[in-house]
N, C-alpha and C. Protein backbone atom coordinates (compact mmCIF):
# COMPACT_ATOMS: atom_id res chain seq x y z
N UNK A 1 -107.14 87.08 117.01
CA UNK A 1 -106.14 87.53 116.99
C UNK A 1 -105.74 89.02 115.90
N UNK A 2 -106.16 89.27 115.54
CA UNK A 2 -106.04 91.10 115.09
C UNK A 2 -106.15 91.80 116.11
N UNK A 3 -107.27 91.56 117.05
CA UNK A 3 -107.40 92.53 117.93
C UNK A 3 -106.10 92.76 118.91
N UNK A 4 -105.36 91.63 118.93
CA UNK A 4 -104.40 91.37 119.98
C UNK A 4 -103.00 92.18 118.72
N UNK A 5 -102.94 92.52 117.70
CA UNK A 5 -102.14 92.93 117.14
C UNK A 5 -102.38 94.63 117.27
N UNK A 6 -103.56 95.27 117.27
CA UNK A 6 -103.45 96.47 117.15
C UNK A 6 -103.00 97.50 117.53
N UNK A 7 -102.02 97.18 118.90
CA UNK A 7 -100.82 98.19 118.87
C UNK A 7 -100.25 98.26 117.97
N UNK A 8 -99.44 97.71 117.43
CA UNK A 8 -98.82 96.45 116.29
C UNK A 8 -99.06 97.97 115.10
N UNK A 9 -100.12 97.31 114.43
CA UNK A 9 -100.66 98.09 113.74
C UNK A 9 -100.98 99.70 113.83
N UNK A 10 -101.29 99.97 115.04
CA UNK A 10 -101.69 101.40 115.06
C UNK A 10 -100.16 102.17 114.96
N UNK A 11 -99.16 101.54 115.51
CA UNK A 11 -97.81 101.82 115.25
C UNK A 11 -97.17 102.72 114.18
N UNK A 12 -97.41 100.66 113.14
CA UNK A 12 -97.06 101.17 112.26
C UNK A 12 -97.60 101.93 111.34
N UNK A 13 -99.00 102.30 111.47
CA UNK A 13 -99.45 103.26 110.92
C UNK A 13 -99.77 104.52 110.84
N UNK A 14 -99.03 105.09 112.32
CA UNK A 14 -98.37 106.22 112.60
C UNK A 14 -96.66 106.68 112.01
N UNK A 15 -96.14 105.71 112.46
CA UNK A 15 -94.89 105.63 111.33
C UNK A 15 -95.13 105.83 109.86
N UNK A 16 -96.13 105.03 109.65
CA UNK A 16 -95.80 105.32 107.89
C UNK A 16 -96.41 106.75 107.81
N UNK A 17 -97.48 107.28 108.63
CA UNK A 17 -97.93 108.68 108.31
C UNK A 17 -96.87 109.88 108.51
N UNK A 18 -96.01 109.59 109.25
CA UNK A 18 -94.92 110.25 109.48
C UNK A 18 -94.02 110.61 108.77
N UNK A 19 -93.81 109.39 108.15
CA UNK A 19 -92.51 109.04 106.64
C UNK A 19 -93.36 110.33 105.53
N UNK A 20 -95.20 109.71 105.17
CA UNK A 20 -95.46 110.63 104.63
C UNK A 20 -95.67 112.04 104.52
N UNK A 21 -95.60 112.45 105.62
CA UNK A 21 -95.39 113.65 105.92
C UNK A 21 -94.46 114.28 105.98
N UNK A 22 -93.21 113.79 106.04
CA UNK A 22 -91.84 114.18 105.30
C UNK A 22 -91.76 114.16 104.08
N UNK A 23 -92.51 113.61 103.33
CA UNK A 23 -92.45 113.04 102.06
C UNK A 23 -91.85 111.97 101.75
N UNK A 24 -91.37 111.23 102.22
CA UNK A 24 -90.36 110.18 102.07
C UNK A 24 -91.16 108.82 101.81
N UNK A 25 -91.75 108.84 100.56
CA UNK A 25 -92.88 107.51 100.28
C UNK A 25 -92.48 106.07 100.14
N UNK A 26 -91.15 105.93 100.42
CA UNK A 26 -90.62 104.55 100.13
C UNK A 26 -90.78 103.81 101.30
N UNK A 27 -89.98 104.52 102.60
CA UNK A 27 -90.16 104.12 103.75
C UNK A 27 -91.83 103.67 104.17
N UNK A 28 -92.44 104.65 104.00
CA UNK A 28 -93.90 104.77 103.79
C UNK A 28 -94.69 103.79 103.96
N UNK A 29 -94.25 103.11 102.20
CA UNK A 29 -95.01 101.90 101.46
C UNK A 29 -94.06 100.90 102.30
N UNK A 30 -93.18 100.91 102.40
CA UNK A 30 -92.34 99.78 102.65
C UNK A 30 -93.34 99.71 104.46
N UNK A 31 -93.28 100.15 104.85
CA UNK A 31 -93.86 99.75 106.57
C UNK A 31 -95.64 99.15 106.08
N UNK A 32 -95.75 99.82 105.24
CA UNK A 32 -97.16 99.71 104.86
C UNK A 32 -97.28 98.09 104.48
N UNK A 33 -96.60 97.45 103.51
CA UNK A 33 -96.35 96.27 102.77
C UNK A 33 -95.91 95.46 103.81
N UNK A 34 -95.06 95.28 104.89
CA UNK A 34 -94.30 94.52 106.11
C UNK A 34 -95.60 94.38 106.76
N UNK A 35 -96.68 95.65 107.06
CA UNK A 35 -97.95 94.75 107.82
C UNK A 35 -98.39 93.27 107.19
N UNK A 36 -97.90 93.21 106.32
CA UNK A 36 -98.65 92.27 105.80
C UNK A 36 -97.93 90.58 106.51
N UNK A 37 -96.81 90.76 106.53
CA UNK A 37 -95.85 90.20 107.27
C UNK A 37 -96.23 89.19 108.64
N UNK A 38 -97.30 90.19 109.21
CA UNK A 38 -98.44 89.87 110.39
C UNK A 38 -98.84 88.44 110.15
N UNK A 39 -99.29 88.46 109.16
CA UNK A 39 -100.38 86.98 108.80
C UNK A 39 -99.34 86.11 108.40
N UNK A 40 -97.72 85.94 108.69
CA UNK A 40 -97.33 84.32 108.62
C UNK A 40 -96.86 84.21 110.17
N UNK A 41 -97.47 82.93 109.95
CA UNK A 41 -97.25 82.71 111.51
C UNK A 41 -96.21 81.67 112.02
N UNK A 42 -94.85 82.64 111.79
CA UNK A 42 -93.44 82.25 112.06
C UNK A 42 -92.79 82.74 113.19
N UNK A 43 -91.87 82.72 113.77
CA UNK A 43 -91.28 83.72 115.25
C UNK A 43 -90.68 84.57 114.41
N UNK A 44 -90.03 84.49 113.46
CA UNK A 44 -89.39 85.54 112.79
C UNK A 44 -90.05 86.86 112.42
N UNK A 45 -91.30 86.48 112.08
CA UNK A 45 -92.20 87.72 111.65
C UNK A 45 -92.35 88.47 113.14
N UNK A 46 -92.50 87.82 113.87
CA UNK A 46 -92.65 88.68 115.51
C UNK A 46 -91.25 89.20 115.50
N UNK A 47 -90.32 88.58 115.34
CA UNK A 47 -88.43 89.29 115.69
C UNK A 47 -88.79 90.33 114.61
N UNK A 48 -88.98 90.32 113.76
CA UNK A 48 -88.85 91.58 112.65
C UNK A 48 -89.53 92.68 112.93
N UNK A 49 -90.87 92.60 113.30
CA UNK A 49 -91.48 93.70 113.73
C UNK A 49 -90.96 94.39 115.12
N UNK A 50 -90.27 93.50 115.75
CA UNK A 50 -90.04 94.27 117.33
C UNK A 50 -88.94 95.20 116.66
N UNK A 51 -87.98 94.54 115.85
CA UNK A 51 -87.06 95.24 115.31
C UNK A 51 -87.57 96.67 114.32
N UNK A 52 -88.44 96.64 113.73
CA UNK A 52 -89.21 97.80 113.21
C UNK A 52 -89.82 98.70 114.17
N UNK A 53 -90.48 98.29 114.90
CA UNK A 53 -90.70 99.15 116.22
C UNK A 53 -89.68 99.76 116.89
N UNK A 54 -88.58 99.23 117.36
CA UNK A 54 -87.51 99.39 118.12
C UNK A 54 -86.86 100.55 117.01
N UNK A 55 -86.82 100.37 115.77
CA UNK A 55 -86.04 101.19 115.03
C UNK A 55 -87.27 102.61 114.87
N UNK A 56 -88.36 102.32 115.18
CA UNK A 56 -89.12 103.04 114.50
C UNK A 56 -89.61 103.96 115.70
N UNK A 57 -89.38 103.79 116.89
CA UNK A 57 -89.02 104.41 118.46
C UNK A 57 -87.71 105.47 118.56
N UNK A 58 -86.93 104.77 117.61
CA UNK A 58 -85.84 105.42 117.31
C UNK A 58 -86.12 106.91 116.49
N UNK A 59 -86.71 106.49 115.28
CA UNK A 59 -86.97 107.57 114.44
C UNK A 59 -87.92 108.74 115.23
N UNK A 60 -88.79 107.91 116.17
CA UNK A 60 -89.45 108.95 116.94
C UNK A 60 -88.94 110.36 117.61
N UNK A 61 -88.00 109.69 118.77
CA UNK A 61 -86.85 110.19 119.23
C UNK A 61 -86.46 111.09 118.63
N UNK A 62 -85.54 110.85 117.35
CA UNK A 62 -84.55 111.50 116.47
C UNK A 62 -85.82 112.99 116.39
N UNK A 63 -86.85 112.50 115.58
CA UNK A 63 -87.99 113.58 115.63
C UNK A 63 -88.35 114.26 116.28
N UNK A 64 -88.26 113.66 117.63
CA UNK A 64 -88.53 114.76 118.41
C UNK A 64 -87.45 115.99 119.36
N UNK A 65 -86.19 115.10 119.33
CA UNK A 65 -85.10 116.01 119.53
C UNK A 65 -84.99 117.34 118.39
N UNK A 66 -85.19 116.75 117.32
CA UNK A 66 -85.18 118.08 115.79
C UNK A 66 -86.47 118.97 116.48
N UNK A 67 -87.22 118.50 116.62
CA UNK A 67 -87.87 119.71 116.59
C UNK A 67 -88.25 120.27 118.11
N UNK A 68 -87.61 119.66 119.06
CA UNK A 68 -88.06 120.47 120.51
C UNK A 68 -86.41 121.52 120.08
N UNK A 69 -85.30 121.32 119.45
CA UNK A 69 -84.43 122.09 119.13
C UNK A 69 -84.82 123.53 118.22
N UNK A 70 -85.54 122.70 117.17
CA UNK A 70 -86.22 123.92 116.55
C UNK A 70 -87.46 124.89 117.43
N UNK A 71 -87.89 124.48 117.95
CA UNK A 71 -88.68 125.48 118.60
C UNK A 71 -88.31 126.09 119.59
N UNK A 72 -87.30 125.36 120.34
CA UNK A 72 -86.44 126.33 121.30
C UNK A 72 -85.69 127.30 120.86
N UNK A 73 -85.42 127.23 119.40
CA UNK A 73 -84.66 128.49 119.21
C UNK A 73 -85.62 129.29 118.39
N UNK A 74 -86.77 128.95 118.07
CA UNK A 74 -88.03 129.69 117.77
C UNK A 74 -88.28 130.38 118.74
N UNK A 75 -88.39 130.41 119.74
CA UNK A 75 -88.79 130.58 121.29
C UNK A 75 -90.65 129.96 121.48
N UNK A 76 -90.95 129.33 120.44
CA UNK A 76 -92.39 128.14 120.58
C UNK A 76 -92.27 127.64 121.36
N UNK A 77 -93.88 127.51 121.86
CA UNK A 77 -93.76 126.74 123.59
C UNK A 77 -93.63 124.89 122.54
N UNK A 78 -92.87 124.21 123.49
CA UNK A 78 -92.30 122.97 123.01
C UNK A 78 -92.66 121.64 124.19
N UNK A 79 -93.58 122.02 124.69
CA UNK A 79 -93.96 121.08 126.28
C UNK A 79 -95.22 119.94 125.56
N UNK A 80 -95.96 120.69 124.80
CA UNK A 80 -97.33 119.91 124.40
C UNK A 80 -96.25 118.97 123.15
N UNK A 81 -95.64 119.58 122.56
CA UNK A 81 -94.84 118.54 121.51
C UNK A 81 -94.06 117.51 121.75
N UNK A 82 -93.24 117.44 122.87
CA UNK A 82 -92.80 116.88 123.44
C UNK A 82 -93.41 115.73 124.29
N UNK A 83 -94.72 116.27 124.81
CA UNK A 83 -95.37 114.89 124.86
C UNK A 83 -95.99 114.39 124.39
N UNK A 84 -96.33 114.74 123.25
CA UNK A 84 -97.26 113.95 121.66
C UNK A 84 -96.27 112.90 121.60
N UNK A 85 -94.75 113.54 121.58
CA UNK A 85 -93.72 112.79 120.52
C UNK A 85 -93.44 111.66 121.14
N UNK A 86 -93.36 111.98 123.16
CA UNK A 86 -93.30 110.65 124.09
C UNK A 86 -94.06 109.68 123.83
N UNK A 87 -95.44 109.95 123.60
CA UNK A 87 -96.48 109.00 123.92
C UNK A 87 -96.28 108.22 122.48
N UNK A 88 -95.86 108.73 121.13
CA UNK A 88 -96.22 107.99 120.20
C UNK A 88 -94.10 107.22 120.45
N UNK A 89 -93.49 107.32 120.72
CA UNK A 89 -92.50 106.75 121.16
C UNK A 89 -92.60 105.47 122.35
N UNK A 90 -93.33 106.03 123.59
CA UNK A 90 -93.97 105.19 123.90
C UNK A 90 -94.53 104.10 123.82
N UNK A 91 -95.83 104.31 122.70
CA UNK A 91 -96.30 103.19 122.38
C UNK A 91 -95.64 102.35 121.43
N UNK A 92 -94.61 102.88 120.17
CA UNK A 92 -93.82 102.18 119.43
C UNK A 92 -93.31 100.88 120.58
N UNK A 93 -92.58 101.98 121.40
CA UNK A 93 -91.78 100.75 122.70
C UNK A 93 -92.79 99.70 122.96
N UNK A 94 -93.65 99.80 123.84
CA UNK A 94 -94.81 99.49 124.15
C UNK A 94 -95.21 97.89 123.58
N UNK A 95 -95.34 98.17 122.10
CA UNK A 95 -95.63 97.41 120.97
C UNK A 95 -95.18 96.59 120.78
N UNK A 96 -93.84 96.66 120.51
CA UNK A 96 -92.67 95.63 120.11
C UNK A 96 -92.37 94.76 121.51
N UNK A 97 -92.73 95.40 122.93
CA UNK A 97 -93.02 94.43 124.01
C UNK A 97 -93.92 93.68 124.02
N UNK A 98 -95.05 94.68 123.44
CA UNK A 98 -96.50 93.32 123.54
C UNK A 98 -96.01 92.00 122.80
N UNK A 99 -95.67 92.45 121.77
CA UNK A 99 -95.27 91.28 120.89
C UNK A 99 -94.74 89.84 121.99
N UNK A 100 -94.28 90.01 122.90
CA UNK A 100 -93.46 89.22 124.07
C UNK A 100 -94.84 87.91 124.55
N UNK A 101 -96.05 88.92 124.15
CA UNK A 101 -97.16 88.45 124.78
C UNK A 101 -97.25 86.80 124.81
N UNK A 102 -97.47 85.61 125.69
CA UNK A 102 -97.47 84.44 125.87
C UNK A 102 -98.71 83.87 124.54
N UNK A 103 -99.64 84.63 124.76
CA UNK A 103 -100.81 84.00 123.41
C UNK A 103 -100.32 84.39 122.02
N UNK A 104 -99.69 85.59 122.19
CA UNK A 104 -99.15 86.38 120.56
C UNK A 104 -98.34 84.99 120.21
N UNK A 105 -97.25 85.12 121.11
CA UNK A 105 -95.91 83.99 120.55
C UNK A 105 -96.68 82.87 120.65
N UNK A 106 -97.49 82.15 121.00
CA UNK A 106 -98.15 80.76 120.99
C UNK A 106 -98.81 80.67 119.55
N UNK A 107 -99.41 81.85 118.90
CA UNK A 107 -100.32 81.77 118.01
C UNK A 107 -99.10 81.25 117.06
N UNK A 108 -98.45 82.22 116.59
CA UNK A 108 -97.00 82.39 115.74
C UNK A 108 -95.92 81.35 115.78
N UNK A 109 -96.00 80.80 117.18
CA UNK A 109 -95.21 79.29 116.98
C UNK A 109 -95.70 77.96 116.85
N UNK A 110 -96.98 78.53 116.84
CA UNK A 110 -97.73 76.93 116.03
C UNK A 110 -97.78 76.50 115.22
N UNK A 111 -97.87 74.86 115.13
CA UNK A 111 -97.66 74.43 113.71
C UNK A 111 -99.43 74.51 112.99
N UNK A 112 -99.17 75.00 111.84
CA UNK A 112 -100.71 75.91 111.07
C UNK A 112 -101.70 74.85 110.60
N UNK A 113 -100.98 73.49 111.09
CA UNK A 113 -102.30 72.35 111.16
C UNK A 113 -103.15 72.17 112.10
N UNK A 114 -102.24 72.65 112.98
CA UNK A 114 -103.31 72.40 114.18
C UNK A 114 -104.17 73.34 114.62
N UNK A 115 -105.43 73.54 115.68
CA UNK A 115 -106.43 74.50 115.04
C UNK A 115 -105.94 75.12 116.01
N UNK A 116 -106.69 76.39 115.70
CA UNK A 116 -106.18 77.87 116.65
C UNK A 116 -106.59 77.90 118.09
N UNK A 117 -105.56 78.80 119.05
CA UNK A 117 -106.27 78.80 120.38
C UNK A 117 -107.51 79.37 120.43
């Protein structure tokens, strides 16, 4: 199951690294701590992570627009930065959608006393 959650984990690590780069340690530590919720086999854990990834996508969009304005004002090239930021944003969005995968949802909605799929 851990391999199926790899896109979510990667998105979370990228978002935490983004916050660390901005020296905002509390959100970075919170995201890393919330990764432990992925081990809770409840449907609310998936919904929480979908919300986190959605908020993360908004953070990426805000950061991309700020960097775009700054680079354009300075006359610096911005296309590569925009492509990278778009890719990271898309990863966050697709990771949130990935949690709708039927196998993942079944794993998180099952009775813990039943055998794993």
